[in-house]
Amino acid sequence: VSYPHEVLRENKRVNVAQADRFQSGMRGAFGKPGGCCSPITE
């Protein structure tokens, strides 16, 4: 199914020492939905 819009997602990062031990990066669901956008062609 093709949709005319894309969902923008926010992947918040932890800014403390040794944060790489409990961060999964960009794996999985890629963060929480933050908004929608659609491409505009002229």
N, C-alpha and C. Protein backbone atom coordinates (compact mmCIF):
# COMPACT_ATOMS: atom_id res chain seq x y z
N VAL A 1 0.85 -1.17 0.00
CA VAL A 1 0.00 0.00 0.00
C VAL A 1 0.89 1.23 0.00
N SER A 2 0.63 2.14 -0.90
CA SER A 2 1.42 3.37 -0.99
C SER A 2 0.65 4.52 -0.35
N TYR A 3 1.33 5.27 0.50
CA TYR A 3 0.71 6.40 1.19
C TYR A 3 1.31 7.70 0.66
N PRO A 4 0.52 8.77 0.58
CA PRO A 4 1.05 10.05 0.05
C PRO A 4 1.82 10.86 1.09
N HIS A 5 2.06 10.31 2.26
CA HIS A 5 2.79 11.05 3.29
C HIS A 5 3.77 10.13 4.02
N GLU A 6 4.70 10.75 4.73
CA GLU A 6 5.66 10.01 5.53
C GLU A 6 5.56 10.49 6.97
N VAL A 7 5.83 9.61 7.90
CA VAL A 7 5.78 9.96 9.32
C VAL A 7 7.18 10.34 9.77
N LEU A 8 7.31 11.55 10.34
CA LEU A 8 8.59 11.99 10.90
C LEU A 8 8.73 11.40 12.29
N ARG A 9 9.89 10.85 12.59
CA ARG A 9 10.10 10.22 13.90
C ARG A 9 11.27 10.87 14.62
N GLU A 10 11.13 10.97 15.94
CA GLU A 10 12.17 11.56 16.78
C GLU A 10 12.87 10.45 17.56
N ASN A 11 14.18 10.39 17.43
CA ASN A 11 14.97 9.42 18.18
C ASN A 11 15.84 10.20 19.16
N LYS A 12 15.39 10.31 20.39
CA LYS A 12 16.11 11.10 21.38
C LYS A 12 17.35 10.36 21.85
N ARG A 13 18.42 11.11 22.05
CA ARG A 13 19.70 10.54 22.46
C ARG A 13 19.96 10.89 23.92
N VAL A 14 20.69 10.03 24.59
CA VAL A 14 21.07 10.29 25.98
C VAL A 14 22.45 10.91 25.97
N ASN A 15 22.61 12.06 26.64
CA ASN A 15 23.87 12.79 26.64
C ASN A 15 24.58 12.67 27.98
N VAL A 16 24.85 11.47 28.42
CA VAL A 16 25.61 11.25 29.65
C VAL A 16 26.77 10.32 29.35
N ALA A 17 27.69 10.23 30.27
CA ALA A 17 28.83 9.33 30.09
C ALA A 17 28.35 7.88 30.06
N GLN A 18 28.97 7.07 29.23
CA GLN A 18 28.66 5.65 29.07
C GLN A 18 27.24 5.42 28.56
N ALA A 19 26.71 6.35 27.76
CA ALA A 19 25.35 6.22 27.25
C ALA A 19 25.25 5.11 26.20
N ASP A 20 26.39 4.74 25.59
CA ASP A 20 26.34 3.72 24.55
C ASP A 20 26.00 2.34 25.12
N ARG A 21 26.06 2.17 26.42
CA ARG A 21 25.76 0.87 27.01
C ARG A 21 24.26 0.58 27.05
N PHE A 22 23.43 1.61 27.17
CA PHE A 22 21.99 1.37 27.23
C PHE A 22 21.22 2.10 26.14
N GLN A 23 21.88 2.41 25.03
CA GLN A 23 21.22 3.01 23.89
C GLN A 23 21.17 1.99 22.76
N SER A 24 20.06 1.93 22.06
CA SER A 24 19.94 1.00 20.94
C SER A 24 20.16 1.68 19.60
N GLY A 25 20.42 2.98 19.59
CA GLY A 25 20.69 3.69 18.34
C GLY A 25 19.45 3.82 17.48
N MET A 26 19.58 3.50 16.18
CA MET A 26 18.46 3.64 15.25
C MET A 26 17.83 2.30 14.92
N ARG A 27 17.93 1.34 15.82
CA ARG A 27 17.30 0.04 15.59
C ARG A 27 15.85 0.06 16.05
N GLY A 28 15.07 -0.90 15.60
CA GLY A 28 13.70 -1.05 16.08
C GLY A 28 12.72 -0.14 15.36
N ALA A 29 11.86 0.52 16.12
CA ALA A 29 10.78 1.32 15.54
C ALA A 29 11.23 2.73 15.18
N PHE A 30 12.49 3.06 15.38
CA PHE A 30 13.06 4.35 14.99
C PHE A 30 12.45 5.53 15.72
N GLY A 31 12.09 5.38 16.98
CA GLY A 31 11.64 6.52 17.76
C GLY A 31 10.14 6.73 17.78
N LYS A 32 9.74 7.85 18.36
CA LYS A 32 8.32 8.17 18.48
C LYS A 32 7.87 9.05 17.32
N PRO A 33 6.63 8.88 16.87
CA PRO A 33 6.13 9.73 15.78
C PRO A 33 6.06 11.19 16.22
N GLY A 34 6.58 12.09 15.37
CA GLY A 34 6.60 13.50 15.70
C GLY A 34 5.76 14.35 14.78
N GLY A 35 5.39 13.84 13.60
CA GLY A 35 4.60 14.63 12.66
C GLY A 35 4.54 13.93 11.31
N CYS A 36 3.87 14.57 10.36
CA CYS A 36 3.73 14.02 9.02
C CYS A 36 4.26 15.01 8.00
N CYS A 37 4.71 14.51 6.87
CA CYS A 37 5.14 15.37 5.77
C CYS A 37 4.80 14.67 4.46
N SER A 38 4.73 15.44 3.40
CA SER A 38 4.47 14.87 2.08
C SER A 38 5.39 15.55 1.07
N PRO A 39 5.85 14.81 0.08
CA PRO A 39 6.74 15.41 -0.93
C PRO A 39 5.96 16.34 -1.87
N ILE A 40 6.61 17.43 -2.25
CA ILE A 40 5.99 18.39 -3.17
C ILE A 40 6.83 18.43 -4.44
N THR A 41 6.22 18.12 -5.56
CA THR A 41 6.92 18.18 -6.84
C THR A 41 6.29 19.25 -7.70
N GLU A 42 7.14 19.97 -8.40
CA GLU A 42 6.63 21.04 -9.26
C GLU A 42 6.87 20.72 -10.71
